[in-house]
């Protein structure tokens, strides 16, 4: 999921020419998703896929 989010970010930046506040907002959403992935996998879904 993280790779998909950041590949979308790079696609929007280089191919669509997004700049400024729009790209900043998307980047913040990306960062929140990455943090949720790290915390969510470790705390909410413990098991074989946890990072511990």
PDB file of N, CA and C in Angstrom:
ATOM      1  N   UNK A   1       0.824  -1.186   0.000  1.00  0.00           N
ATOM      2  CA  UNK A   1       0.000   0.000   0.000  1.00  0.00           C
ATOM      3  C   UNK A   1       0.875   1.260   0.000  1.00  0.00           C
ATOM      4  N   UNK A   2       1.923   1.230   0.778  1.00  0.00           N
ATOM      5  CA  UNK A   2       2.806   2.390   0.858  1.00  0.00           C
ATOM      6  C   UNK A   2       3.449   2.688  -0.494  1.00  0.00           C
ATOM      7  N   UNK A   3       3.870   1.648  -1.196  1.00  0.00           N
ATOM      8  CA  UNK A   3       4.470   1.844  -2.523  1.00  0.00           C
ATOM      9  C   UNK A   3       3.466   2.455  -3.494  1.00  0.00           C
ATOM     10  N   UNK A   4       2.226   2.042  -3.422  1.00  0.00           N
ATOM     11  CA  UNK A   4       1.183   2.579  -4.300  1.00  0.00           C
ATOM     12  C   UNK A   4       0.958   4.060  -4.030  1.00  0.00           C
ATOM     13  N   UNK A   5       0.935   4.433  -2.773  1.00  0.00           N
ATOM     14  CA  UNK A   5       0.713   5.834  -2.413  1.00  0.00           C
ATOM     15  C   UNK A   5       1.851   6.708  -2.927  1.00  0.00           C
ATOM     16  N   UNK A   6       3.079   6.291  -2.682  1.00  0.00           N
ATOM     17  CA  UNK A   6       4.200   7.122  -3.110  1.00  0.00           C
ATOM     18  C   UNK A   6       4.433   7.086  -4.611  1.00  0.00           C
ATOM     19  N   UNK A   7       4.073   6.007  -5.274  1.00  0.00           N
ATOM     20  CA  UNK A   7       4.166   6.019  -6.742  1.00  0.00           C
ATOM     21  C   UNK A   7       3.124   6.946  -7.339  1.00  0.00           C
ATOM     22  N   UNK A   8       1.941   7.029  -6.725  1.00  0.00           N
ATOM     23  CA  UNK A   8       0.934   7.996  -7.156  1.00  0.00           C
ATOM     24  C   UNK A   8       1.438   9.416  -6.945  1.00  0.00           C
ATOM     25  N   UNK A   9       2.084   9.646  -5.813  1.00  0.00           N
ATOM     26  CA  UNK A   9       2.664  10.966  -5.528  1.00  0.00           C
ATOM     27  C   UNK A   9       3.670  11.368  -6.606  1.00  0.00           C
ATOM     28  N   UNK A  10       4.568  10.452  -6.939  1.00  0.00           N
ATOM     29  CA  UNK A  10       5.580  10.755  -7.960  1.00  0.00           C
ATOM     30  C   UNK A  10       4.947  10.961  -9.333  1.00  0.00           C
ATOM     31  N   UNK A  11       3.938  10.176  -9.643  1.00  0.00           N
ATOM     32  CA  UNK A  11       3.245  10.334 -10.920  1.00  0.00           C
ATOM     33  C   UNK A  11       2.590  11.710 -11.012  1.00  0.00           C
ATOM     34  N   UNK A  12       1.915  12.124  -9.954  1.00  0.00           N
ATOM     35  CA  UNK A  12       1.267  13.429  -9.962  1.00  0.00           C
ATOM     36  C   UNK A  12       2.289  14.556 -10.049  1.00  0.00           C
ATOM     37  N   UNK A  13       3.408  14.368  -9.403  1.00  0.00           N
ATOM     38  CA  UNK A  13       4.427  15.424  -9.391  1.00  0.00           C
ATOM     39  C   UNK A  13       5.104  15.585 -10.746  1.00  0.00           C
ATOM     40  N   UNK A  14       5.518  14.476 -11.340  1.00  0.00           N
ATOM     41  CA  UNK A  14       6.298  14.569 -12.576  1.00  0.00           C
ATOM     42  C   UNK A  14       5.450  14.584 -13.837  1.00  0.00           C
ATOM     43  N   UNK A  15       4.388  13.791 -13.894  1.00  0.00           N
ATOM     44  CA  UNK A  15       3.612  13.689 -15.122  1.00  0.00           C
ATOM     45  C   UNK A  15       2.464  14.680 -15.211  1.00  0.00           C
ATOM     46  N   UNK A  16       1.839  14.999 -14.087  1.00  0.00           N
ATOM     47  CA  UNK A  16       0.713  15.930 -14.098  1.00  0.00           C
ATOM     48  C   UNK A  16       1.136  17.347 -13.760  1.00  0.00           C
ATOM     49  N   UNK A  17       2.341  17.524 -13.253  1.00  0.00           N
ATOM     50  CA  UNK A  17       2.849  18.855 -12.962  1.00  0.00           C
ATOM     51  C   UNK A  17       2.270  19.502 -11.718  1.00  0.00           C
ATOM     52  N   UNK A  18       1.806  18.688 -10.774  1.00  0.00           N
ATOM     53  CA  UNK A  18       1.285  19.256  -9.539  1.00  0.00           C
ATOM     54  C   UNK A  18       2.415  19.903  -8.759  1.00  0.00           C
ATOM     55  N   UNK A  19       2.117  21.075  -8.189  1.00  0.00           N
ATOM     56  CA  UNK A  19       3.100  21.802  -7.375  1.00  0.00           C
ATOM     57  C   UNK A  19       2.376  22.517  -6.242  1.00  0.00           C
ATOM     58  N   UNK A  20       3.142  23.018  -5.312  1.00  0.00           N
ATOM     59  CA  UNK A  20       2.608  23.883  -4.278  1.00  0.00           C
ATOM     60  C   UNK A  20       1.736  23.200  -3.245  1.00  0.00           C
ATOM     61  N   UNK A  21       0.656  23.905  -2.877  1.00  0.00           N
ATOM     62  CA  UNK A  21      -0.190  23.461  -1.772  1.00  0.00           C
ATOM     63  C   UNK A  21      -0.919  22.151  -2.068  1.00  0.00           C
ATOM     64  N   UNK A  22      -1.309  21.950  -3.300  1.00  0.00           N
ATOM     65  CA  UNK A  22      -2.012  20.715  -3.645  1.00  0.00           C
ATOM     66  C   UNK A  22      -1.123  19.508  -3.410  1.00  0.00           C
ATOM     67  N   UNK A  23       0.105  19.571  -3.867  1.00  0.00           N
ATOM     68  CA  UNK A  23       1.040  18.473  -3.667  1.00  0.00           C
ATOM     69  C   UNK A  23       1.419  18.331  -2.195  1.00  0.00           C
ATOM     70  N   UNK A  24       1.490  19.449  -1.481  1.00  0.00           N
ATOM     71  CA  UNK A  24       1.796  19.410  -0.054  1.00  0.00           C
ATOM     72  C   UNK A  24       0.697  18.670   0.705  1.00  0.00           C
ATOM     73  N   UNK A  25      -0.559  18.945   0.384  1.00  0.00           N
ATOM     74  CA  UNK A  25      -1.672  18.263   1.050  1.00  0.00           C
ATOM     75  C   UNK A  25      -1.637  16.767   0.767  1.00  0.00           C
ATOM     76  N   UNK A  26      -1.379  16.409  -0.484  1.00  0.00           N
ATOM     77  CA  UNK A  26      -1.291  14.995  -0.842  1.00  0.00           C
ATOM     78  C   UNK A  26      -0.134  14.332  -0.111  1.00  0.00           C
ATOM     79  N   UNK A  27       0.966  15.036   0.047  1.00  0.00           N
ATOM     80  CA  UNK A  27       2.128  14.502   0.751  1.00  0.00           C
ATOM     81  C   UNK A  27       1.817  14.273   2.229  1.00  0.00           C
ATOM     82  N   UNK A  28       1.080  15.168   2.841  1.00  0.00           N
ATOM     83  CA  UNK A  28       0.693  15.006   4.242  1.00  0.00           C
ATOM     84  C   UNK A  28      -0.217  13.795   4.405  1.00  0.00           C
ATOM     85  N   UNK A  29      -1.158  13.628   3.488  1.00  0.00           N
ATOM     86  CA  UNK A  29      -2.032  12.455   3.522  1.00  0.00           C
ATOM     87  C   UNK A  29      -1.214  11.183   3.357  1.00  0.00           C
ATOM     88  N   UNK A  30      -0.221  11.213   2.466  1.00  0.00           N
ATOM     89  CA  UNK A  30       0.673  10.062   2.283  1.00  0.00           C
ATOM     90  C   UNK A  30       1.394   9.711   3.575  1.00  0.00           C
ATOM     91  N   UNK A  31       1.919  10.723   4.246  1.00  0.00           N
ATOM     92  CA  UNK A  31       2.661  10.486   5.476  1.00  0.00           C
ATOM     93  C   UNK A  31       1.758   9.891   6.554  1.00  0.00           C
ATOM     94  N   UNK A  32       0.537  10.403   6.664  1.00  0.00           N
ATOM     95  CA  UNK A  32      -0.418   9.868   7.636  1.00  0.00           C
ATOM     96  C   UNK A  32      -0.727   8.405   7.327  1.00  0.00           C
ATOM     97  N   UNK A  33      -0.866   8.072   6.056  1.00  0.00           N
ATOM     98  CA  UNK A  33      -1.120   6.682   5.670  1.00  0.00           C
ATOM     99  C   UNK A  33       0.049   5.775   6.039  1.00  0.00           C
ATOM    100  N   UNK A  34       1.266   6.252   5.850  1.00  0.00           N
ATOM    101  CA  UNK A  34       2.440   5.449   6.199  1.00  0.00           C
ATOM    102  C   UNK A  34       2.504   5.233   7.713  1.00  0.00           C
ATOM    103  N   UNK A  35       2.264   6.267   8.497  1.00  0.00           N
ATOM    104  CA  UNK A  35       2.267   6.134   9.953  1.00  0.00           C
ATOM    105  C   UNK A  35       1.161   5.182  10.400  1.00  0.00           C
ATOM    106  N   UNK A  36      -0.038   5.310   9.792  1.00  0.00           N
ATOM    107  CA  UNK A  36      -1.132   4.409  10.136  1.00  0.00           C
ATOM    108  C   UNK A  36      -0.780   2.968   9.776  1.00  0.00           C
ATOM    109  N   UNK A  37      -0.116   2.779   8.643  1.00  0.00           N
ATOM    110  CA  UNK A  37       0.285   1.435   8.250  1.00  0.00           C
ATOM    111  C   UNK A  37       1.240   0.845   9.280  1.00  0.00           C
ATOM    112  N   UNK A  38       2.221   1.612   9.712  1.00  0.00           N
ATOM    113  CA  UNK A  38       3.185   1.119  10.686  1.00  0.00           C
ATOM    114  C   UNK A  38       2.525   0.823  12.025  1.00  0.00           C
ATOM    115  N   UNK A  39       1.727   1.781  12.539  1.00  0.00           N
ATOM    116  CA  UNK A  39       1.079   1.606  13.838  1.00  0.00           C
ATOM    117  C   UNK A  39      -0.055   0.590  13.744  1.00  0.00           C
ATOM    118  N   UNK A  40      -0.850   0.685  12.685  1.00  0.00           N
ATOM    119  CA  UNK A  40      -1.996  -0.205  12.537  1.00  0.00           C
ATOM    120  C   UNK A  40      -1.599  -1.653  12.421  1.00  0.00           C
ATOM    121  N   UNK A  41      -0.544  -1.926  11.691  1.00  0.00           N
ATOM    122  CA  UNK A  41      -0.105  -3.308  11.534  1.00  0.00           C
ATOM    123  C   UNK A  41       0.455  -3.842  12.843  1.00  0.00           C
ATOM    124  N   UNK A  42       1.156  -3.018  13.585  1.00  0.00           N
ATOM    125  CA  UNK A  42       1.758  -3.494  14.832  1.00  0.00           C
ATOM    126  C   UNK A  42       0.765  -3.617  15.982  1.00  0.00           C
ATOM    127  N   UNK A  43      -0.165  -2.683  16.087  1.00  0.00           N
ATOM    128  CA  UNK A  43      -1.051  -2.656  17.247  1.00  0.00           C
ATOM    129  C   UNK A  43      -2.410  -3.283  16.948  1.00  0.00           C
ATOM    130  N   UNK A  44      -3.015  -2.867  15.847  1.00  0.00           N
ATOM    131  CA  UNK A  44      -4.374  -3.310  15.561  1.00  0.00           C
ATOM    132  C   UNK A  44      -4.437  -4.714  14.953  1.00  0.00           C
ATOM    133  N   UNK A  45      -3.420  -5.084  14.211  1.00  0.00           N
ATOM    134  CA  UNK A  45      -3.421  -6.380  13.548  1.00  0.00           C
ATOM    135  C   UNK A  45      -2.163  -7.183  13.882  1.00  0.00           C
ATOM    136  N   UNK A  46      -1.965  -7.518  15.138  1.00  0.00           N
ATOM    137  CA  UNK A  46      -0.759  -8.281  15.462  1.00  0.00           C
ATOM    138  C   UNK A  46      -0.831  -9.676  14.846  1.00  0.00           C
ATOM    139  N   UNK A  47       0.284 -10.155  14.454  1.00  0.00           N
ATOM    140  CA  UNK A  47       0.313 -11.485  13.865  1.00  0.00           C
ATOM    141  C   UNK A  47       1.523 -11.657  12.978  1.00  0.00           C
ATOM    142  N   UNK A  48       1.341 -12.400  11.909  1.00  0.00           N
ATOM    143  CA  UNK A  48       2.451 -12.756  11.038  1.00  0.00           C
ATOM    144  C   UNK A  48       3.033 -11.546  10.296  1.00  0.00           C
ATOM    145  N   UNK A  49       2.232 -10.503  10.076  1.00  0.00           N
ATOM    146  CA  UNK A  49       2.708  -9.374   9.279  1.00  0.00           C
ATOM    147  C   UNK A  49       3.179  -8.190  10.119  1.00  0.00           C
ATOM    148  N   UNK A  50       3.316  -8.345  11.399  1.00  0.00           N
ATOM    149  CA  UNK A  50       3.767  -7.228  12.214  1.00  0.00           C
ATOM    150  C   UNK A  50       5.253  -6.983  12.008  1.00  0.00           C
ATOM    151  N   UNK A  51       5.685  -5.760  12.261  1.00  0.00           N
ATOM    152  CA  UNK A  51       7.067  -5.358  12.034  1.00  0.00           C
ATOM    153  C   UNK A  51       7.974  -5.616  13.222  1.00  0.00           C
ATOM    154  N   UNK A  52       7.465  -6.157  14.289  1.00  0.00           N
ATOM    155  CA  UNK A  52       8.275  -6.381  15.481  1.00  0.00           C
ATOM    156  C   UNK A  52       9.144  -7.568  15.340  1.00  0.00           C
TER     157      UNK A  52
END
